[in-house]
């Protein structure tokens, strides 16, 4: 395990090609990534089923920043094409990079695979692989465990207020822009001993009004107005905030003395909001789909803005799971 104080990301590697492994080792070293290689078999320990081993890791609390897969099959005949959709369903917050055998284009891949991966590369494209890592991993200094937890808590809140729906979430991403999506947004403070900032939910009012007219939510009104749409968003915000506070904010904040604040500026005409910081914001795009077709899809954008304090090294993550996998011979550092 790394003992450096710098925040790093752990990445899972399923790769049997020596040349590709050498490339990944170089990239991991260059970008301060901790590589965890799935042990799918060698002369010492024998063959293992990569699907089972990766599934165990995905179901655990191992904090990962990305997954590297190969198109060619491993010792058990399992390829990255087979694995990527399964991994994406289990850990949708993780970017997946697929090493292709011939060319790094995606046109010939099935749509399900295209939707699951963040990008493709070949061993000769070291620069492209480096750019993919920079875009999806190195800028993501938010722990993957936090991102995954936010998705779960938010999904539970949506399903609580709007029963019998399907909640979809795109890959979490970082933005520096200040654009407001839709006409309706909420803000609520997030404060603990390791972060201070805000959570913001953004959506289009007409989509919420359609939801209310459908009778699918607990608020039902054939002629809803802004008070009704505000009430829906207010309850969603409170539910998610309460869940985040209960799970992650276990330590009280020291409020002694004066605390730094910055003004939040909203420009309605330009649809901009500024939190006085240029730090990237952790963002999620949720799509609420009604399985009974009572109302059209609703898009909700969620942002976490830690503009007042962000100390991810204090965020508690479990290293025990990694150690157990290594001790059991299912993972190895490389």
Protein backbone atom coordinates (compact mmCIF):
# COMPACT_ATOMS: atom_id res chain seq x y z
CA UNK A 1 0.00 0.00 0.00
CA UNK A 2 1.12 3.55 -0.63
CA UNK A 3 2.13 5.61 2.37
CA UNK A 4 2.43 8.88 0.46
CA UNK A 5 0.23 11.68 1.75
CA UNK A 6 -0.80 12.48 -1.81
CA UNK A 7 -4.33 11.33 -2.68
CA UNK A 8 -4.11 8.49 -5.18
CA UNK A 9 -6.55 6.24 -6.97
CA UNK A 10 -6.51 2.46 -6.94
CA UNK A 11 -7.21 0.88 -10.33
CA UNK A 12 -8.19 -2.69 -11.12
CA UNK A 13 -6.36 -4.41 -13.98
CA UNK A 14 -7.43 -7.55 -15.84
CA UNK A 15 -4.64 -8.02 -18.34
CA UNK A 16 -2.58 -11.04 -19.46
CA UNK A 17 -0.43 -9.45 -22.17
CA UNK A 18 3.10 -8.70 -20.95
CA UNK A 19 3.59 -5.71 -23.26
CA UNK A 20 0.30 -4.19 -22.16
CA UNK A 21 1.11 -4.82 -18.48
CA UNK A 22 4.44 -3.04 -18.90
CA UNK A 23 2.63 -0.06 -20.42
CA UNK A 24 0.08 0.04 -17.59
CA UNK A 25 2.84 -0.11 -14.99
CA UNK A 26 4.49 2.93 -16.57
CA UNK A 27 1.21 4.85 -16.73
CA UNK A 28 0.33 3.96 -13.13
CA UNK A 29 3.74 5.11 -11.92
CA UNK A 30 3.53 8.33 -13.90
CA UNK A 31 0.06 9.24 -12.65
CA UNK A 32 0.44 7.98 -9.05
CA UNK A 33 -2.05 5.14 -9.41
CA UNK A 34 -2.01 1.97 -7.33
CA UNK A 35 -2.47 -0.98 -9.67
CA UNK A 36 -4.34 -4.07 -8.43
CA UNK A 37 -4.07 -6.99 -10.86
CA UNK A 38 -6.72 -9.69 -10.90
CA UNK A 39 -4.93 -13.03 -10.59
CA UNK A 40 -6.43 -15.10 -13.39
CA UNK A 41 -3.75 -17.74 -13.35
CA UNK A 42 -0.02 -18.44 -13.59
CA UNK A 43 2.26 -21.43 -13.16
CA UNK A 44 2.27 -21.06 -9.38
CA UNK A 45 -1.31 -20.60 -8.29
CA UNK A 46 -3.18 -22.13 -11.20
CA UNK A 47 -6.20 -20.84 -13.05
CA UNK A 48 -8.93 -18.74 -11.52
CA UNK A 49 -12.15 -17.45 -13.01
CA UNK A 50 -11.73 -13.73 -13.68
CA UNK A 51 -15.48 -13.14 -13.66
CA UNK A 52 -15.82 -14.42 -10.09
CA UNK A 53 -12.74 -12.63 -8.81
CA UNK A 54 -13.72 -9.29 -10.36
CA UNK A 55 -17.29 -9.68 -9.13
CA UNK A 56 -16.02 -10.17 -5.57
CA UNK A 57 -13.95 -6.99 -5.84
CA UNK A 58 -16.84 -5.03 -7.36
CA UNK A 59 -19.19 -6.13 -4.60
CA UNK A 60 -16.69 -5.17 -1.89
CA UNK A 61 -15.85 -1.78 -0.43
CA UNK A 62 -12.54 -1.56 -2.28
CA UNK A 63 -12.17 2.06 -3.36
CA UNK A 64 -11.30 2.10 -7.08
CA UNK A 65 -10.65 4.90 -9.53
CA UNK A 66 -10.86 2.93 -12.80
CA UNK A 67 -10.80 -0.52 -14.41
CA UNK A 68 -8.48 -1.63 -17.22
CA UNK A 69 -9.68 -4.53 -19.39
CA UNK A 70 -8.39 -6.26 -22.52
CA UNK A 71 -10.40 -7.30 -25.56
CA UNK A 72 -8.43 -10.53 -25.99
CA UNK A 73 -9.41 -13.51 -23.86
CA UNK A 74 -7.60 -14.58 -20.70
CA UNK A 75 -6.54 -18.10 -19.66
CA UNK A 76 -10.15 -19.04 -18.98
CA UNK A 77 -11.49 -17.61 -22.23
CA UNK A 78 -12.96 -14.48 -20.60
CA UNK A 79 -12.48 -11.15 -22.39
CA UNK A 80 -13.02 -7.54 -21.42
CA UNK A 81 -15.97 -7.44 -23.82
CA UNK A 82 -17.66 -9.99 -21.55
CA UNK A 83 -16.76 -8.17 -18.35
CA UNK A 84 -17.30 -4.47 -19.02
CA UNK A 85 -21.11 -4.45 -19.01
CA UNK A 86 -21.21 -6.53 -15.82
CA UNK A 87 -18.77 -4.20 -14.09
CA UNK A 88 -20.65 -1.12 -15.27
CA UNK A 89 -23.92 -2.44 -13.84
CA UNK A 90 -22.28 -3.10 -10.48
CA UNK A 91 -20.10 0.02 -10.22
CA UNK A 92 -21.44 2.58 -12.73
CA UNK A 93 -19.28 5.33 -11.23
CA UNK A 94 -16.06 3.66 -12.42
CA UNK A 95 -14.52 4.56 -15.81
CA UNK A 96 -13.58 1.45 -17.78
CA UNK A 97 -10.74 1.47 -20.32
CA UNK A 98 -10.68 -1.30 -22.92
CA UNK A 99 -7.45 -2.30 -24.68
CA UNK A 100 -8.33 -3.36 -28.20
CA UNK A 101 -6.39 -5.80 -30.34
CA UNK A 102 -6.61 -3.96 -33.67
CA UNK A 103 -7.28 -0.23 -33.60
CA UNK A 104 -8.85 1.83 -30.86
CA UNK A 105 -12.10 2.78 -32.60
CA UNK A 106 -15.41 1.86 -30.98
CA UNK A 107 -17.69 1.72 -34.02
CA UNK A 108 -17.75 -2.08 -34.26
CA UNK A 109 -18.49 -2.62 -30.57
CA UNK A 110 -22.01 -3.49 -29.33
CA UNK A 111 -23.96 -0.51 -28.00
CA UNK A 112 -24.03 -2.02 -24.51
CA UNK A 113 -20.23 -2.10 -24.51
CA UNK A 114 -19.94 1.47 -25.84
CA UNK A 115 -22.19 2.69 -23.03
CA UNK A 116 -20.13 0.85 -20.41
CA UNK A 117 -16.64 2.04 -21.29
CA UNK A 118 -14.97 5.43 -21.01
CA UNK A 119 -12.52 4.82 -23.85
CA UNK A 120 -10.38 2.42 -25.89
CA UNK A 121 -6.67 2.24 -26.64
CA UNK A 122 -3.99 -0.03 -28.11
CA UNK A 123 -0.54 -0.66 -26.66
CA UNK A 124 1.07 1.60 -29.28
CA UNK A 125 -1.05 4.56 -28.13
CA UNK A 126 0.68 5.46 -24.88
CA UNK A 127 -0.18 9.14 -25.26
CA UNK A 128 -3.87 8.42 -25.78
CA UNK A 129 -3.94 6.16 -22.73
CA UNK A 130 -2.29 8.91 -20.70
CA UNK A 131 -4.94 11.41 -21.81
CA UNK A 132 -7.73 9.01 -20.86
CA UNK A 133 -6.21 8.57 -17.40
CA UNK A 134 -5.82 12.33 -16.96
CA UNK A 135 -9.40 13.00 -18.02
CA UNK A 136 -11.16 10.31 -16.02
CA UNK A 137 -8.90 9.35 -13.13
CA UNK A 138 -6.31 11.95 -12.16
CA UNK A 139 -8.76 14.82 -12.02
CA UNK A 140 -11.12 12.70 -9.90
CA UNK A 141 -9.68 13.36 -6.48
CA UNK A 142 -13.05 12.49 -4.96
CA UNK A 143 -13.00 8.97 -3.45
CA UNK A 144 -14.92 6.53 -5.62
CA UNK A 145 -16.59 5.16 -2.47
CA UNK A 146 -18.10 8.59 -1.84
CA UNK A 147 -19.37 8.87 -5.43
CA UNK A 148 -20.91 5.41 -5.29
CA UNK A 149 -22.53 6.17 -1.94
CA UNK A 150 -24.04 9.43 -3.20
CA UNK A 151 -25.60 7.56 -6.14
CA UNK A 152 -27.13 4.96 -3.82
CA UNK A 153 -28.48 7.51 -1.33
CA UNK A 154 -29.91 9.75 -4.05
CA UNK A 155 -31.50 6.82 -5.86
CA UNK A 156 -33.19 5.70 -2.63
CA UNK A 157 -34.55 9.22 -2.12
CA UNK A 158 -35.99 9.38 -5.64
CA UNK A 159 -37.61 5.97 -5.26
CA UNK A 160 -39.03 6.93 -1.88
CA UNK A 161 -40.87 9.98 -3.21
CA UNK A 162 -41.79 8.52 -6.61
CA UNK A 163 -42.59 4.78 -6.34
CA UNK A 164 -42.34 2.34 -9.25
CA UNK A 165 -39.67 4.18 -11.20
CA UNK A 166 -36.31 3.28 -12.71
CA UNK A 167 -33.44 5.58 -11.75
CA UNK A 168 -30.49 5.78 -14.11
CA UNK A 169 -27.23 7.58 -13.40
CA UNK A 170 -24.51 8.48 -15.89
CA UNK A 171 -20.84 8.20 -14.96
CA UNK A 172 -19.99 10.83 -12.31
CA UNK A 173 -17.95 13.66 -13.73
CA UNK A 174 -16.17 16.86 -12.74
CA UNK A 175 -16.97 20.33 -14.06
CA UNK A 176 -15.58 23.79 -13.57
CA UNK A 177 -18.38 25.59 -15.38
CA UNK A 178 -21.01 27.61 -13.58
CA UNK A 179 -23.98 26.86 -15.81
CA UNK A 180 -27.35 26.25 -14.17
CA UNK A 181 -29.46 23.52 -15.74
CA UNK A 182 -33.20 24.19 -15.88
CA UNK A 183 -35.17 26.81 -13.98
CA UNK A 184 -35.43 25.04 -10.65
CA UNK A 185 -32.56 24.37 -8.28
CA UNK A 186 -32.01 23.88 -4.58
CA UNK A 187 -29.00 24.47 -2.33
CA UNK A 188 -28.25 22.98 1.06
CA UNK A 189 -25.02 23.18 3.11
CA UNK A 190 -22.76 20.15 3.59
CA UNK A 191 -20.56 20.39 6.67
CA UNK A 192 -18.34 17.94 8.52
CA UNK A 193 -14.81 17.79 9.87
CA UNK A 194 -13.53 16.89 6.38
CA UNK A 195 -15.63 19.07 4.07
CA UNK A 196 -17.67 22.25 3.88
CA UNK A 197 -19.72 23.27 0.91
CA UNK A 198 -23.07 22.70 -0.72
CA UNK A 199 -25.19 20.17 -2.52
CA UNK A 200 -27.25 21.46 -5.40
CA UNK A 201 -30.08 19.77 -7.29
CA UNK A 202 -31.12 21.19 -10.67
CA UNK A 203 -34.02 20.30 -12.92
CA UNK A 204 -36.64 21.72 -15.28
CA UNK A 205 -39.84 22.89 -13.63
CA UNK A 206 -42.10 21.62 -16.42
CA UNK A 207 -40.81 18.07 -15.90
CA UNK A 208 -41.68 18.25 -12.20
CA UNK A 209 -45.10 19.71 -12.98
CA UNK A 210 -45.78 16.80 -15.37
CA UNK A 211 -44.84 14.42 -12.56
CA UNK A 212 -47.30 16.08 -10.17
CA UNK A 213 -50.12 16.04 -12.74
CA UNK A 214 -49.58 12.31 -13.31
CA UNK A 215 -50.35 11.50 -9.67
CA UNK A 216 -47.21 9.34 -9.44
CA UNK A 217 -45.75 11.34 -6.54
CA UNK A 218 -47.18 11.86 -3.08
CA UNK A 219 -48.20 15.39 -4.16
CA UNK A 220 -51.02 15.18 -6.71
CA UNK A 221 -52.63 18.17 -8.37
CA UNK A 222 -54.27 18.49 -11.77
CA UNK A 223 -53.27 22.16 -11.89
CA UNK A 224 -49.94 22.36 -10.03
CA UNK A 225 -47.99 25.58 -9.63
CA UNK A 226 -44.51 26.58 -8.49
CA UNK A 227 -45.35 25.88 -4.84
CA UNK A 228 -45.97 22.23 -5.70
CA UNK A 229 -42.78 21.86 -7.75
CA UNK A 230 -40.80 23.61 -5.00
CA UNK A 231 -42.23 21.21 -2.43
CA UNK A 232 -41.10 18.15 -4.45
CA UNK A 233 -37.56 19.45 -4.89
CA UNK A 234 -37.40 20.59 -1.27
CA UNK A 235 -38.32 17.13 0.01
CA UNK A 236 -35.85 15.42 -2.34
CA UNK A 237 -33.09 17.75 -1.18
CA UNK A 238 -33.84 17.15 2.49
CA UNK A 239 -34.00 13.37 2.07
CA UNK A 240 -30.66 13.18 0.26
CA UNK A 241 -29.01 15.65 2.64
CA UNK A 242 -30.22 13.71 5.67
CA UNK A 243 -28.91 10.44 4.25
CA UNK A 244 -25.50 11.95 3.43
CA UNK A 245 -25.27 13.46 6.90
CA UNK A 246 -26.13 10.18 8.59
CA UNK A 247 -23.68 8.07 6.59
CA UNK A 248 -20.68 10.35 6.16
CA UNK A 249 -20.81 13.19 8.66
CA UNK A 250 -20.24 11.22 11.85
CA UNK A 251 -17.92 13.77 13.47
CA UNK A 252 -19.14 17.12 14.71
CA UNK A 253 -17.77 20.31 13.22
CA UNK A 254 -15.82 22.65 15.46
CA UNK A 255 -17.72 25.93 15.26
CA UNK A 256 -15.55 27.88 17.70
CA UNK A 257 -14.50 31.29 16.46
CA UNK A 258 -15.24 32.98 13.15
CA UNK A 259 -15.80 30.77 10.13
CA UNK A 260 -14.87 31.73 6.59
CA UNK A 261 -17.75 32.32 4.19
CA UNK A 262 -17.87 33.33 0.55
CA UNK A 263 -20.79 34.93 -1.31
CA UNK A 264 -22.82 32.84 -3.72
CA UNK A 265 -23.71 34.86 -6.81
CA UNK A 266 -26.55 33.93 -9.14
CA UNK A 267 -26.95 35.59 -12.56
CA UNK A 268 -30.42 34.57 -13.72
CA UNK A 269 -30.11 36.12 -17.17
CA UNK A 270 -26.92 34.23 -17.98
CA UNK A 271 -27.97 31.16 -15.93
CA UNK A 272 -24.70 31.22 -13.97
CA UNK A 273 -24.03 30.48 -10.32
CA UNK A 274 -20.68 31.15 -8.67
CA UNK A 275 -19.51 29.70 -5.36
CA UNK A 276 -16.35 31.79 -5.26
CA UNK A 277 -14.15 28.81 -6.14
CA UNK A 278 -12.66 27.35 -9.31
CA UNK A 279 -12.28 23.85 -7.88
CA UNK A 280 -13.97 21.07 -9.90
CA UNK A 281 -17.42 20.08 -8.71
CA UNK A 282 -18.50 16.45 -8.39
CA UNK A 283 -21.52 15.96 -10.60
CA UNK A 284 -24.14 13.31 -11.25
CA UNK A 285 -26.83 13.20 -13.91
CA UNK A 286 -29.88 11.19 -12.89
CA UNK A 287 -32.69 10.20 -15.24
CA UNK A 288 -35.97 9.21 -13.61
CA UNK A 289 -37.87 6.86 -15.91
CA UNK A 290 -41.46 5.91 -15.19
CA UNK A 291 -41.89 2.21 -15.92
CA UNK A 292 -45.66 2.74 -16.13
CA UNK A 293 -45.33 5.63 -18.62
CA UNK A 294 -47.32 8.01 -16.43
CA UNK A 295 -44.95 10.93 -17.04
CA UNK A 296 -41.98 11.70 -19.34
CA UNK A 297 -38.41 11.15 -18.18
CA UNK A 298 -37.09 13.66 -15.65
CA UNK A 299 -33.44 14.75 -15.66
CA UNK A 300 -31.98 15.81 -12.34
CA UNK A 301 -28.43 17.14 -12.06
CA UNK A 302 -26.74 16.87 -8.69
CA UNK A 303 -23.58 18.77 -7.77
CA UNK A 304 -21.38 18.61 -4.70
CA UNK A 305 -19.41 21.81 -4.28
CA UNK A 306 -16.79 21.76 -1.52
CA UNK A 307 -15.77 25.39 -1.88
CA UNK A 308 -15.05 26.12 1.80
CA UNK A 309 -13.12 23.04 2.91
CA UNK A 310 -12.11 19.79 1.22
CA UNK A 311 -9.83 17.35 3.04
CA UNK A 312 -10.35 13.97 1.33
CA UNK A 313 -7.46 12.47 3.28
CA UNK A 314 -9.79 12.57 6.30
CA UNK A 315 -12.53 10.70 4.46
CA UNK A 316 -12.68 7.26 6.01
CA UNK A 317 -12.19 4.44 3.51
CA UNK A 318 -11.50 0.82 4.29
CA UNK A 319 -8.14 -0.63 3.29
CA UNK A 320 -9.03 -3.88 5.02
CA UNK A 321 -10.82 -5.25 1.96
CA UNK A 322 -7.76 -4.75 -0.25
CA UNK A 323 -5.52 -6.51 2.26
CA UNK A 324 -7.91 -9.45 2.44
CA UNK A 325 -7.97 -9.90 -1.33
CA UNK A 326 -4.16 -9.72 -1.47
CA UNK A 327 -3.77 -12.18 1.42
CA UNK A 328 -6.15 -14.61 -0.28
CA UNK A 329 -4.20 -14.44 -3.54
CA UNK A 330 -7.05 -12.92 -5.50
CA UNK A 331 -5.25 -9.62 -6.12
CA UNK A 332 -1.60 -8.69 -6.35
CA UNK A 333 0.20 -5.35 -6.51
CA UNK A 334 2.23 -4.72 -9.59
